[in-house]
Amino acid sequence: MFYEIVCPIVASMTTATTSAHRATAQPEPTPGPRPRLDWRLRLGALSLVWGFSFLLIKVGTGAYAPFQVTLGRLVFGTAVLAAALLVKRERLPRGARTWGHLAVAAFFLNALPFSLFAYAELTIPSTLAGICNATSPLWGMALSLVALSEDRPTRLRVAGLGLGFLGVLTVLGAWQGFRGLDGPGAAMALLASLSYPIGWIYVRRTLAGVSHSHLSMTGAQLLLATVQLAVVTPLFTDLPSRFPVLPLLAIAALGALGTGIAMLVQYGLVAEVGPTTAQTVTYFVPVIATAAGIALLGEPLTWSTPVGAVIVVAGAALTQIRMRP
């Protein structure tokens, strides 16, 4: 679900982005002890965690306000990264400029999209939210052509962009006038997916080549997002009079597993097999989200959902293909 958060930050903090090739080159493996678990198993586990995140959002918003779900998610996620920082004896970054840029990144990569997905799932199925999330690479490619001068369009990538958005129209049922679709809910899910590449481009432009560790920067980013939601949530929600256990557990799992631990696993994958291979997790997430929503929540399935999802994923995959120089 959050490949757009992790991999661009790794690339931006590891090396300056003076060319598209340099920005997407796979990093050299970090020396150290060999991981106990094969990277393929970790990739599969990450796909499951992020795929089930949309189901967990749905369960959480069944009892708590969307802002409360997002705040709880960030609190648990930040706690995991804080524990990792303590274990590794790393400090949070210093410098007002760095913290200022991280505050903007926290808004676009965490606070805003997490909240939009939570609000969207009040009125749309978790399956649709998961498929909308898969449009992030499409938005990213479209925005990078405008905002990043080193990214050059190719016929294949432009074809992927068109194919991907054709898939979105298929999922939404454009041929029947979007009948039965909650427009605002779908729009919020798509805006959440758009927010990720906006944050990615900002990080790439402002935090390239910083000396702080990835763990330190991400821990600070989640902390700032938590503070942002802690300020906003009391203004728009009331303290719950009761605390149902199952939705609360869903929020805890969403934060600890889907945000905190998932980021740590993704960092390890990027370092071991490179961002290109690690990116394949993006293509499994909508499949798992759809299966989970149908099997566990009883959400409806029409032919346009799986067909459109396949088209979206295929288009997103094409936009990520870069010709070697």
C-alpha atoms as a PDB file:
ATOM      1  CA  MET A   1       0.000   0.000   0.000  1.00  0.00           C
ATOM      2  CA  PHE A   2       2.773   2.453   0.832  1.00  0.00           C
ATOM      3  CA  TYR A   3       5.521   1.648  -1.639  1.00  0.00           C
ATOM      4  CA  GLU A   4       5.197   5.283  -2.733  1.00  0.00           C
ATOM      5  CA  ILE A   5       6.267   6.340   0.752  1.00  0.00           C
ATOM      6  CA  VAL A   6       9.204   4.058   1.308  1.00  0.00           C
ATOM      7  CA  CYS A   7      11.131   3.526  -1.911  1.00  0.00           C
ATOM      8  CA  PRO A   8      11.280   7.169  -3.052  1.00  0.00           C
ATOM      9  CA  ILE A   9      12.510   8.221   0.385  1.00  0.00           C
ATOM     10  CA  VAL A  10      15.205   5.564   0.297  1.00  0.00           C
ATOM     11  CA  ALA A  11      16.316   6.700  -3.147  1.00  0.00           C
ATOM     12  CA  SER A  12      16.196  10.385  -2.235  1.00  0.00           C
ATOM     13  CA  MET A  13      18.148  10.011   0.970  1.00  0.00           C
ATOM     14  CA  THR A  14      20.741   7.714  -0.515  1.00  0.00           C
ATOM     15  CA  THR A  15      21.885   9.735  -3.503  1.00  0.00           C
ATOM     16  CA  ALA A  16      21.262  13.062  -5.176  1.00  0.00           C
ATOM     17  CA  THR A  17      18.773  12.808  -8.038  1.00  0.00           C
ATOM     18  CA  THR A  18      20.619  14.488 -10.894  1.00  0.00           C
ATOM     19  CA  SER A  19      19.258  12.100 -13.500  1.00  0.00           C
ATOM     20  CA  ALA A  20      16.378   9.670 -13.866  1.00  0.00           C
ATOM     21  CA  HIS A  21      18.801   6.771 -14.197  1.00  0.00           C
ATOM     22  CA  ARG A  22      20.573   7.682 -10.990  1.00  0.00           C
ATOM     23  CA  ALA A  23      17.279   8.141  -9.126  1.00  0.00           C
ATOM     24  CA  THR A  24      16.063   4.682 -10.030  1.00  0.00           C
ATOM     25  CA  ALA A  25      19.302   2.712  -9.966  1.00  0.00           C
ATOM     26  CA  GLN A  26      19.281  -0.225  -7.597  1.00  0.00           C
ATOM     27  CA  PRO A  27      21.475   0.363  -4.539  1.00  0.00           C
ATOM     28  CA  GLU A  28      24.379  -1.889  -3.733  1.00  0.00           C
ATOM     29  CA  PRO A  29      23.449  -4.513  -1.134  1.00  0.00           C
ATOM     30  CA  THR A  30      24.289  -3.404   2.364  1.00  0.00           C
ATOM     31  CA  PRO A  31      26.888  -5.669   3.966  1.00  0.00           C
ATOM     32  CA  GLY A  32      25.784  -7.438   7.078  1.00  0.00           C
ATOM     33  CA  PRO A  33      24.267 -10.658   8.359  1.00  0.00           C
ATOM     34  CA  ARG A  34      22.038 -12.494   5.917  1.00  0.00           C
ATOM     35  CA  PRO A  35      18.329 -12.091   6.761  1.00  0.00           C
ATOM     36  CA  ARG A  36      16.765 -15.158   8.316  1.00  0.00           C
ATOM     37  CA  LEU A  37      13.722 -15.052   6.065  1.00  0.00           C
ATOM     38  CA  ASP A  38      13.993 -15.219   2.282  1.00  0.00           C
ATOM     39  CA  TRP A  39      13.125 -11.941   0.574  1.00  0.00           C
ATOM     40  CA  ARG A  40      10.327 -13.597  -1.432  1.00  0.00           C
ATOM     41  CA  LEU A  41       8.571 -14.605   1.768  1.00  0.00           C
ATOM     42  CA  ARG A  42       8.967 -11.112   3.168  1.00  0.00           C
ATOM     43  CA  LEU A  43       7.598  -9.642  -0.064  1.00  0.00           C
ATOM     44  CA  GLY A  44       4.593 -11.947   0.171  1.00  0.00           C
ATOM     45  CA  ALA A  45       4.015 -11.024   3.810  1.00  0.00           C
ATOM     46  CA  LEU A  46       4.246  -7.338   2.957  1.00  0.00           C
ATOM     47  CA  SER A  47       1.699  -7.778   0.175  1.00  0.00           C
ATOM     48  CA  LEU A  48      -0.696  -9.439   2.608  1.00  0.00           C
ATOM     49  CA  VAL A  49      -0.258  -6.761   5.263  1.00  0.00           C
ATOM     50  CA  TRP A  50      -0.806  -3.876   2.869  1.00  0.00           C
ATOM     51  CA  GLY A  51      -3.603  -5.692   1.036  1.00  0.00           C
ATOM     52  CA  PHE A  52      -5.479  -6.261   4.305  1.00  0.00           C
ATOM     53  CA  SER A  53      -4.957  -2.639   5.352  1.00  0.00           C
ATOM     54  CA  PHE A  54      -8.075  -1.564   3.463  1.00  0.00           C
ATOM     55  CA  LEU A  55     -10.155  -4.157   5.279  1.00  0.00           C
ATOM     56  CA  LEU A  56      -8.736  -2.937   8.603  1.00  0.00           C
ATOM     57  CA  ILE A  57      -9.655   0.650   7.710  1.00  0.00           C
ATOM     58  CA  LYS A  58     -13.202  -0.491   6.965  1.00  0.00           C
ATOM     59  CA  VAL A  59     -13.484  -2.283  10.297  1.00  0.00           C
ATOM     60  CA  GLY A  60     -12.001   0.666  12.188  1.00  0.00           C
ATOM     61  CA  THR A  61     -14.330   3.241  10.636  1.00  0.00           C
ATOM     62  CA  GLY A  62     -17.280   1.049  11.591  1.00  0.00           C
ATOM     63  CA  ALA A  63     -16.933   2.275  15.174  1.00  0.00           C
ATOM     64  CA  TYR A  64     -14.595   5.274  15.145  1.00  0.00           C
ATOM     65  CA  ALA A  65     -14.438   8.523  13.179  1.00  0.00           C
ATOM     66  CA  PRO A  66     -12.046   8.545  10.210  1.00  0.00           C
ATOM     67  CA  PHE A  67      -9.704  11.055  11.840  1.00  0.00           C
ATOM     68  CA  GLN A  68      -9.614   8.878  14.958  1.00  0.00           C
ATOM     69  CA  VAL A  69      -8.739   5.832  12.866  1.00  0.00           C
ATOM     70  CA  THR A  70      -5.921   7.746  11.181  1.00  0.00           C
ATOM     71  CA  LEU A  71      -4.615   9.156  14.457  1.00  0.00           C
ATOM     72  CA  GLY A  72      -4.608   5.727  16.078  1.00  0.00           C
ATOM     73  CA  ARG A  73      -2.887   4.255  13.054  1.00  0.00           C
ATOM     74  CA  LEU A  74      -0.136   6.879  13.214  1.00  0.00           C
ATOM     75  CA  VAL A  75       0.319   6.502  16.965  1.00  0.00           C
ATOM     76  CA  PHE A  76       0.875   2.750  16.704  1.00  0.00           C
ATOM     77  CA  GLY A  77       3.061   3.103  13.619  1.00  0.00           C
ATOM     78  CA  THR A  78       5.205   5.779  15.237  1.00  0.00           C
ATOM     79  CA  ALA A  79       5.585   3.634  18.354  1.00  0.00           C
ATOM     80  CA  VAL A  80       7.034   0.794  16.261  1.00  0.00           C
ATOM     81  CA  LEU A  81       9.579   3.062  14.587  1.00  0.00           C
ATOM     82  CA  ALA A  82      10.441   4.702  17.924  1.00  0.00           C
ATOM     83  CA  ALA A  83      11.172   1.253  19.334  1.00  0.00           C
ATOM     84  CA  ALA A  84      13.370   0.482  16.304  1.00  0.00           C
ATOM     85  CA  LEU A  85      15.262   3.740  16.832  1.00  0.00           C
ATOM     86  CA  LEU A  86      15.887   2.849  20.471  1.00  0.00           C
ATOM     87  CA  VAL A  87      17.068  -0.661  19.618  1.00  0.00           C
ATOM     88  CA  LYS A  88      19.474   0.660  16.977  1.00  0.00           C
ATOM     89  CA  ARG A  89      20.422   3.637  19.154  1.00  0.00           C
ATOM     90  CA  GLU A  90      19.707   6.145  16.435  1.00  0.00           C
ATOM     91  CA  ARG A  91      18.621   9.739  16.919  1.00  0.00           C
ATOM     92  CA  LEU A  92      15.985  11.788  15.181  1.00  0.00           C
ATOM     93  CA  PRO A  93      17.365  14.231  12.591  1.00  0.00           C
ATOM     94  CA  ARG A  94      18.415  17.738  13.519  1.00  0.00           C
ATOM     95  CA  GLY A  95      17.945  21.051  11.786  1.00  0.00           C
ATOM     96  CA  ALA A  96      14.875  23.243  11.342  1.00  0.00           C
ATOM     97  CA  ARG A  97      15.093  23.019   7.539  1.00  0.00           C
ATOM     98  CA  THR A  98      14.990  19.219   7.580  1.00  0.00           C
ATOM     99  CA  TRP A  99      12.079  19.151  10.014  1.00  0.00           C
ATOM    100  CA  GLY A 100      10.207  21.698   7.918  1.00  0.00           C
ATOM    101  CA  HIS A 101      10.530  19.575   4.780  1.00  0.00           C
ATOM    102  CA  LEU A 102       9.591  16.459   6.730  1.00  0.00           C
ATOM    103  CA  ALA A 103       6.437  18.199   7.983  1.00  0.00           C
ATOM    104  CA  VAL A 104       5.315  18.743   4.383  1.00  0.00           C
ATOM    105  CA  ALA A 105       6.232  15.152   3.497  1.00  0.00           C
ATOM    106  CA  ALA A 106       4.307  13.905   6.537  1.00  0.00           C
ATOM    107  CA  PHE A 107       1.206  15.725   5.352  1.00  0.00           C
ATOM    108  CA  PHE A 108       1.230  14.438   1.774  1.00  0.00           C
ATOM    109  CA  LEU A 109       2.563  10.932   2.461  1.00  0.00           C
ATOM    110  CA  ASN A 110       0.782  10.135   5.719  1.00  0.00           C
ATOM    111  CA  ALA A 111      -1.745  12.512   7.273  1.00  0.00           C
ATOM    112  CA  LEU A 112      -3.677  13.437   4.122  1.00  0.00           C
ATOM    113  CA  PRO A 113      -3.873  10.097   2.243  1.00  0.00           C
ATOM    114  CA  PHE A 114      -4.508   8.056   5.388  1.00  0.00           C
ATOM    115  CA  SER A 115      -7.384  10.372   6.328  1.00  0.00           C
ATOM    116  CA  LEU A 116      -8.817  10.437   2.806  1.00  0.00           C
ATOM    117  CA  PHE A 117      -8.853   6.645   2.567  1.00  0.00           C
ATOM    118  CA  ALA A 118     -10.563   6.442   5.965  1.00  0.00           C
ATOM    119  CA  TYR A 119     -13.263   8.921   4.909  1.00  0.00           C
ATOM    120  CA  ALA A 120     -13.639   7.237   1.517  1.00  0.00           C
ATOM    121  CA  GLU A 121     -14.339   3.859   3.072  1.00  0.00           C
ATOM    122  CA  LEU A 122     -17.340   5.264   4.901  1.00  0.00           C
ATOM    123  CA  THR A 123     -19.191   5.086   1.575  1.00  0.00           C
ATOM    124  CA  ILE A 124     -17.205   2.867  -0.820  1.00  0.00           C
ATOM    125  CA  PRO A 125     -16.138  -0.787  -0.490  1.00  0.00           C
ATOM    126  CA  SER A 126     -12.624  -1.577   0.714  1.00  0.00           C
ATOM    127  CA  THR A 127     -12.125  -3.412  -2.602  1.00  0.00           C
ATOM    128  CA  LEU A 128     -12.585  -0.171  -4.558  1.00  0.00           C
ATOM    129  CA  ALA A 129     -10.271   1.700  -2.185  1.00  0.00           C
ATOM    130  CA  GLY A 130      -7.574  -0.916  -2.735  1.00  0.00           C
ATOM    131  CA  ILE A 131      -7.871  -0.635  -6.496  1.00  0.00           C
ATOM    132  CA  CYS A 132      -7.802   3.175  -6.348  1.00  0.00           C
ATOM    133  CA  ASN A 133      -4.584   2.924  -4.344  1.00  0.00           C
ATOM    134  CA  ALA A 134      -2.996   1.078  -7.289  1.00  0.00           C
ATOM    135  CA  THR A 135      -3.352   4.242  -9.398  1.00  0.00           C
ATOM    136  CA  SER A 136      -0.521   5.967  -7.489  1.00  0.00           C
ATOM    137  CA  PRO A 137       2.141   4.948 -10.059  1.00  0.00           C
ATOM    138  CA  LEU A 138      -0.104   6.380 -12.779  1.00  0.00           C
ATOM    139  CA  TRP A 139      -0.446   9.716 -11.007  1.00  0.00           C
ATOM    140  CA  GLY A 140       3.264   9.644 -10.244  1.00  0.00           C
ATOM    141  CA  MET A 141       4.228   9.171 -13.868  1.00  0.00           C
ATOM    142  CA  ALA A 142       1.888  11.958 -15.014  1.00  0.00           C
ATOM    143  CA  LEU A 143       3.173  14.396 -12.389  1.00  0.00           C
ATOM    144  CA  SER A 144       6.844  13.538 -12.882  1.00  0.00           C
ATOM    145  CA  LEU A 145       6.596  14.470 -16.551  1.00  0.00           C
ATOM    146  CA  VAL A 146       5.616  17.973 -15.436  1.00  0.00           C
ATOM    147  CA  ALA A 147       7.574  18.420 -12.214  1.00  0.00           C
ATOM    148  CA  LEU A 148      10.766  16.444 -12.872  1.00  0.00           C
ATOM    149  CA  SER A 149      12.587  17.616 -15.970  1.00  0.00           C
ATOM    150  CA  GLU A 150      14.838  14.538 -16.034  1.00  0.00           C
ATOM    151  CA  ASP A 151      11.887  12.199 -16.573  1.00  0.00           C
ATOM    152  CA  ARG A 152      11.234  11.795 -20.292  1.00  0.00           C
ATOM    153  CA  PRO A 153       8.035  10.262 -21.662  1.00  0.00           C
ATOM    154  CA  THR A 154       8.249   7.192 -23.861  1.00  0.00           C
ATOM    155  CA  ARG A 155       5.528   5.698 -25.996  1.00  0.00           C
ATOM    156  CA  LEU A 156       5.382   2.676 -23.717  1.00  0.00           C
ATOM    157  CA  ARG A 157       4.970   4.742 -20.557  1.00  0.00           C
ATOM    158  CA  VAL A 158       2.370   7.023 -22.125  1.00  0.00           C
ATOM    159  CA  ALA A 159       0.491   3.927 -23.308  1.00  0.00           C
ATOM    160  CA  GLY A 160       0.651   2.574 -19.758  1.00  0.00           C
ATOM    161  CA  LEU A 161      -0.764   5.834 -18.430  1.00  0.00           C
ATOM    162  CA  GLY A 162      -3.692   5.707 -20.830  1.00  0.00           C
ATOM    163  CA  LEU A 163      -4.288   2.017 -20.169  1.00  0.00           C
ATOM    164  CA  GLY A 164      -4.227   2.525 -16.424  1.00  0.00           C
ATOM    165  CA  PHE A 165      -6.816   5.265 -16.433  1.00  0.00           C
ATOM    166  CA  LEU A 166      -8.963   3.194 -18.802  1.00  0.00           C
ATOM    167  CA  GLY A 167      -8.862   0.560 -16.068  1.00  0.00           C
ATOM    168  CA  VAL A 168     -10.014   3.149 -13.522  1.00  0.00           C
ATOM    169  CA  LEU A 169     -13.000   4.035 -15.705  1.00  0.00           C
ATOM    170  CA  THR A 170     -13.775   0.313 -16.026  1.00  0.00           C
ATOM    171  CA  VAL A 171     -13.743  -0.208 -12.259  1.00  0.00           C
ATOM    172  CA  LEU A 172     -15.947   2.845 -11.727  1.00  0.00           C
ATOM    173  CA  GLY A 173     -18.442   1.747 -14.408  1.00  0.00           C
ATOM    174  CA  ALA A 174     -18.107   4.781 -16.665  1.00  0.00           C
ATOM    175  CA  TRP A 175     -20.093   3.133 -19.515  1.00  0.00           C
ATOM    176  CA  GLN A 176     -23.193   3.026 -17.317  1.00  0.00           C
ATOM    177  CA  GLY A 177     -22.860   6.567 -16.022  1.00  0.00           C
ATOM    178  CA  PHE A 178     -21.157   5.524 -12.751  1.00  0.00           C
ATOM    179  CA  ARG A 179     -24.510   4.186 -11.573  1.00  0.00           C
ATOM    180  CA  GLY A 180     -24.526   2.991  -7.970  1.00  0.00           C
ATOM    181  CA  LEU A 181     -21.151   4.586  -7.270  1.00  0.00           C
ATOM    182  CA  ASP A 182     -20.604   7.048  -4.449  1.00  0.00           C
ATOM    183  CA  GLY A 183     -18.790   9.810  -6.321  1.00  0.00           C
ATOM    184  CA  PRO A 184     -17.325  11.717  -3.358  1.00  0.00           C
ATOM    185  CA  GLY A 185     -16.024   8.516  -1.766  1.00  0.00           C
ATOM    186  CA  ALA A 186     -14.328   7.355  -4.968  1.00  0.00           C
ATOM    187  CA  ALA A 187     -12.920  10.845  -5.524  1.00  0.00           C
ATOM    188  CA  MET A 188     -11.387  10.884  -2.037  1.00  0.00           C
ATOM    189  CA  ALA A 189      -9.754   7.497  -2.626  1.00  0.00           C
ATOM    190  CA  LEU A 190      -8.288   8.714  -5.919  1.00  0.00           C
ATOM    191  CA  LEU A 191      -7.104  11.947  -4.282  1.00  0.00           C
ATOM    192  CA  ALA A 192      -5.416   9.878  -1.575  1.00  0.00           C
ATOM    193  CA  SER A 193      -3.567   7.970  -4.287  1.00  0.00           C
ATOM    194  CA  LEU A 194      -2.598  11.259  -5.937  1.00  0.00           C
ATOM    195  CA  SER A 195      -1.235  12.596  -2.660  1.00  0.00           C
ATOM    196  CA  TYR A 196       1.507   9.942  -2.524  1.00  0.00           C
ATOM    197  CA  PRO A 197       3.343  10.988  -5.709  1.00  0.00           C
ATOM    198  CA  ILE A 198       2.981  14.670  -4.767  1.00  0.00           C
ATOM    199  CA  GLY A 199       4.788  13.874  -1.534  1.00  0.00           C
ATOM    200  CA  TRP A 200       7.312  11.717  -3.389  1.00  0.00           C
ATOM    201  CA  ILE A 201       8.211  14.532  -5.775  1.00  0.00           C
ATOM    202  CA  TYR A 202       8.537  16.962  -2.866  1.00  0.00           C
ATOM    203  CA  VAL A 203      10.845  14.585  -0.996  1.00  0.00           C
ATOM    204  CA  ARG A 204      12.895  14.001  -4.114  1.00  0.00           C
ATOM    205  CA  ARG A 205      13.370  17.740  -4.640  1.00  0.00           C
ATOM    206  CA  THR A 206      14.081  18.760  -1.048  1.00  0.00           C
ATOM    207  CA  LEU A 207      15.633  15.849   0.851  1.00  0.00           C
ATOM    208  CA  ALA A 208      17.959  14.311  -1.716  1.00  0.00           C
ATOM    209  CA  GLY A 209      21.345  13.370  -0.338  1.00  0.00           C
ATOM    210  CA  VAL A 210      20.661  14.089   3.340  1.00  0.00           C
ATOM    211  CA  SER A 211      23.035  12.441   5.771  1.00  0.00           C
ATOM    212  CA  HIS A 212      20.465  11.108   8.224  1.00  0.00           C
ATOM    213  CA  SER A 213      19.475   7.434   8.151  1.00  0.00           C
ATOM    214  CA  HIS A 214      16.261   6.274   6.484  1.00  0.00           C
ATOM    215  CA  LEU A 215      14.941   5.019   9.826  1.00  0.00           C
ATOM    216  CA  SER A 216      15.638   8.345  11.507  1.00  0.00           C
ATOM    217  CA  MET A 217      13.941  10.362   8.764  1.00  0.00           C
ATOM    218  CA  THR A 218      10.887   8.128   8.550  1.00  0.00           C
ATOM    219  CA  GLY A 219      10.510   8.047  12.324  1.00  0.00           C
ATOM    220  CA  ALA A 220      10.514  11.850  12.366  1.00  0.00           C
ATOM    221  CA  GLN A 221       8.067  11.967   9.460  1.00  0.00           C
ATOM    222  CA  LEU A 222       5.548   9.685  11.188  1.00  0.00           C
ATOM    223  CA  LEU A 223       5.977  11.632  14.428  1.00  0.00           C
ATOM    224  CA  LEU A 224       5.129  14.863  12.616  1.00  0.00           C
ATOM    225  CA  ALA A 225       2.113  13.270  10.926  1.00  0.00           C
ATOM    226  CA  THR A 226       0.925  12.079  14.345  1.00  0.00           C
ATOM    227  CA  VAL A 227       1.217  15.608  15.718  1.00  0.00           C
ATOM    228  CA  GLN A 228      -0.724  16.969  12.744  1.00  0.00           C
ATOM    229  CA  LEU A 229      -3.575  14.521  13.327  1.00  0.00           C
ATOM    230  CA  ALA A 230      -3.466  15.090  17.085  1.00  0.00           C
ATOM    231  CA  VAL A 231      -4.177  18.781  16.418  1.00  0.00           C
ATOM    232  CA  VAL A 232      -6.894  18.221  13.800  1.00  0.00           C
ATOM    233  CA  THR A 233      -8.798  15.281  15.308  1.00  0.00           C
ATOM    234  CA  PRO A 234     -10.225  17.044  18.428  1.00  0.00           C
ATOM    235  CA  LEU A 235     -11.489  19.872  16.214  1.00  0.00           C
ATOM    236  CA  PHE A 236     -13.680  17.602  14.103  1.00  0.00           C
ATOM    237  CA  THR A 237     -14.540  14.652  16.342  1.00  0.00           C
ATOM    238  CA  ASP A 238     -15.806  13.978  19.846  1.00  0.00           C
ATOM    239  CA  LEU A 239     -14.214  11.556  22.259  1.00  0.00           C
ATOM    240  CA  PRO A 240     -15.941   8.157  21.823  1.00  0.00           C
ATOM    241  CA  SER A 241     -18.307   7.195  24.639  1.00  0.00           C
ATOM    242  CA  ARG A 242     -17.398   3.537  24.161  1.00  0.00           C
ATOM    243  CA  PHE A 243     -14.420   1.690  22.748  1.00  0.00           C
ATOM    244  CA  PRO A 244     -15.424  -1.459  20.821  1.00  0.00           C
ATOM    245  CA  VAL A 245     -12.559  -3.959  20.969  1.00  0.00           C
ATOM    246  CA  LEU A 246     -12.533  -5.396  17.437  1.00  0.00           C
ATOM    247  CA  PRO A 247     -12.326  -2.025  15.618  1.00  0.00           C
ATOM    248  CA  LEU A 248      -9.697  -0.911  18.128  1.00  0.00           C
ATOM    249  CA  LEU A 249      -7.627  -4.008  17.402  1.00  0.00           C
ATOM    250  CA  ALA A 250      -8.029  -3.336  13.685  1.00  0.00           C
ATOM    251  CA  ILE A 251      -6.619   0.174  14.160  1.00  0.00           C
ATOM    252  CA  ALA A 252      -3.735  -1.176  16.234  1.00  0.00           C
ATOM    253  CA  ALA A 253      -2.906  -3.755  13.550  1.00  0.00           C
ATOM    254  CA  LEU A 254      -3.241  -1.123  10.830  1.00  0.00           C
ATOM    255  CA  GLY A 255      -0.697   1.070  12.592  1.00  0.00           C
ATOM    256  CA  ALA A 256       1.746  -1.423  14.068  1.00  0.00           C
ATOM    257  CA  LEU A 257       1.755  -3.896  11.163  1.00  0.00           C
ATOM    258  CA  GLY A 258       0.547  -1.940   8.129  1.00  0.00           C
ATOM    259  CA  THR A 259       2.515   1.230   8.866  1.00  0.00           C
ATOM    260  CA  GLY A 260       5.366   0.609  11.314  1.00  0.00           C
ATOM    261  CA  ILE A 261       6.586  -2.940  10.738  1.00  0.00           C
ATOM    262  CA  ALA A 262       5.692  -2.813   7.028  1.00  0.00           C
ATOM    263  CA  MET A 263       8.009   0.156   6.538  1.00  0.00           C
ATOM    264  CA  LEU A 264      10.865  -1.642   8.256  1.00  0.00           C
ATOM    265  CA  VAL A 265      10.318  -4.731   6.096  1.00  0.00           C
ATOM    266  CA  GLN A 266      10.160  -2.616   2.947  1.00  0.00           C
ATOM    267  CA  TYR A 267      13.436  -0.872   3.796  1.00  0.00           C
ATOM    268  CA  GLY A 268      15.079  -4.267   4.144  1.00  0.00           C
ATOM    269  CA  LEU A 269      13.707  -5.390   0.782  1.00  0.00           C
ATOM    270  CA  VAL A 270      14.884  -2.258  -1.007  1.00  0.00           C
ATOM    271  CA  ALA A 271      18.364  -2.628   0.476  1.00  0.00           C
ATOM    272  CA  GLU A 272      18.572  -6.333  -0.404  1.00  0.00           C
ATOM    273  CA  VAL A 273      16.960  -6.648  -3.840  1.00  0.00           C
ATOM    274  CA  GLY A 274      16.657  -3.041  -4.995  1.00  0.00           C
ATOM    275  CA  PRO A 275      13.638  -0.772  -5.518  1.00  0.00           C
ATOM    276  CA  THR A 276      12.658  -2.236  -8.887  1.00  0.00           C
ATOM    277  CA  THR A 277      12.076  -5.720  -7.483  1.00  0.00           C
ATOM    278  CA  ALA A 278      10.628  -4.417  -4.220  1.00  0.00           C
ATOM    279  CA  GLN A 279       8.136  -2.365  -6.212  1.00  0.00           C
ATOM    280  CA  THR A 280       6.343  -5.502  -7.384  1.00  0.00           C
ATOM    281  CA  VAL A 281       4.524  -5.527  -4.047  1.00  0.00           C
ATOM    282  CA  THR A 282       2.345  -2.743  -5.482  1.00  0.00           C
ATOM    283  CA  TYR A 283       0.804  -5.107  -8.002  1.00  0.00           C
ATOM    284  CA  PHE A 284      -0.297  -7.702  -5.451  1.00  0.00           C
ATOM    285  CA  VAL A 285      -1.982  -5.254  -3.052  1.00  0.00           C
ATOM    286  CA  PRO A 286      -5.216  -4.599  -5.035  1.00  0.00           C
ATOM    287  CA  VAL A 287      -5.657  -8.338  -5.643  1.00  0.00           C
ATOM    288  CA  ILE A 288      -5.371  -9.090  -1.925  1.00  0.00           C
ATOM    289  CA  ALA A 289      -7.530  -6.103  -0.960  1.00  0.00           C
ATOM    290  CA  THR A 290     -10.266  -7.278  -3.325  1.00  0.00           C
ATOM    291  CA  ALA A 291     -10.116 -10.884  -2.132  1.00  0.00           C
ATOM    292  CA  ALA A 292     -10.186  -9.821   1.534  1.00  0.00           C
ATOM    293  CA  GLY A 293     -13.118  -7.461   1.064  1.00  0.00           C
ATOM    294  CA  ILE A 294     -15.192 -10.060  -0.755  1.00  0.00           C
ATOM    295  CA  ALA A 295     -14.322 -13.056   1.438  1.00  0.00           C
ATOM    296  CA  LEU A 296     -14.356 -11.429   4.885  1.00  0.00           C
ATOM    297  CA  LEU A 297     -16.650  -8.421   4.526  1.00  0.00           C
ATOM    298  CA  GLY A 298     -19.056  -9.832   1.944  1.00  0.00           C
ATOM    299  CA  GLU A 299     -18.572  -6.880  -0.380  1.00  0.00           C
ATOM    300  CA  PRO A 300     -20.217  -7.214  -3.807  1.00  0.00           C
ATOM    301  CA  LEU A 301     -18.246  -8.229  -6.875  1.00  0.00           C
ATOM    302  CA  THR A 302     -19.111  -7.405 -10.471  1.00  0.00           C
ATOM    303  CA  TRP A 303     -17.125  -8.340 -13.562  1.00  0.00           C
ATOM    304  CA  SER A 304     -15.842  -4.772 -13.936  1.00  0.00           C
ATOM    305  CA  THR A 305     -13.959  -4.861 -10.614  1.00  0.00           C
ATOM    306  CA  PRO A 306     -11.424  -7.621 -11.349  1.00  0.00           C
ATOM    307  CA  VAL A 307     -11.187  -6.730 -15.052  1.00  0.00           C
ATOM    308  CA  GLY A 308     -10.609  -3.066 -14.283  1.00  0.00           C
ATOM    309  CA  ALA A 309      -8.113  -3.931 -11.553  1.00  0.00           C
ATOM    310  CA  VAL A 310      -6.051  -6.030 -13.970  1.00  0.00           C
ATOM    311  CA  ILE A 311      -6.039  -3.162 -16.483  1.00  0.00           C
ATOM    312  CA  VAL A 312      -4.990  -0.655 -13.790  1.00  0.00           C
ATOM    313  CA  VAL A 313      -2.129  -2.868 -12.607  1.00  0.00           C
ATOM    314  CA  ALA A 314      -0.979  -3.541 -16.178  1.00  0.00           C
ATOM    315  CA  GLY A 315      -0.965   0.172 -16.951  1.00  0.00           C
ATOM    316  CA  ALA A 316       0.888   0.982 -13.735  1.00  0.00           C
ATOM    317  CA  ALA A 317       3.498  -1.659 -14.566  1.00  0.00           C
ATOM    318  CA  LEU A 318       4.066  -0.140 -18.025  1.00  0.00           C
ATOM    319  CA  THR A 319       4.584   3.338 -16.572  1.00  0.00           C
ATOM    320  CA  GLN A 320       7.426   2.008 -14.432  1.00  0.00           C
ATOM    321  CA  ILE A 321       9.394   0.602 -17.368  1.00  0.00           C
ATOM    322  CA  ARG A 322      12.406   2.736 -18.148  1.00  0.00           C
ATOM    323  CA  MET A 323      14.567   2.330 -21.208  1.00  0.00           C
ATOM    324  CA  ARG A 324      18.232   1.769 -20.471  1.00  0.00           C
ATOM    325  CA  PRO A 325      20.509   4.566 -21.677  1.00  0.00           C
END
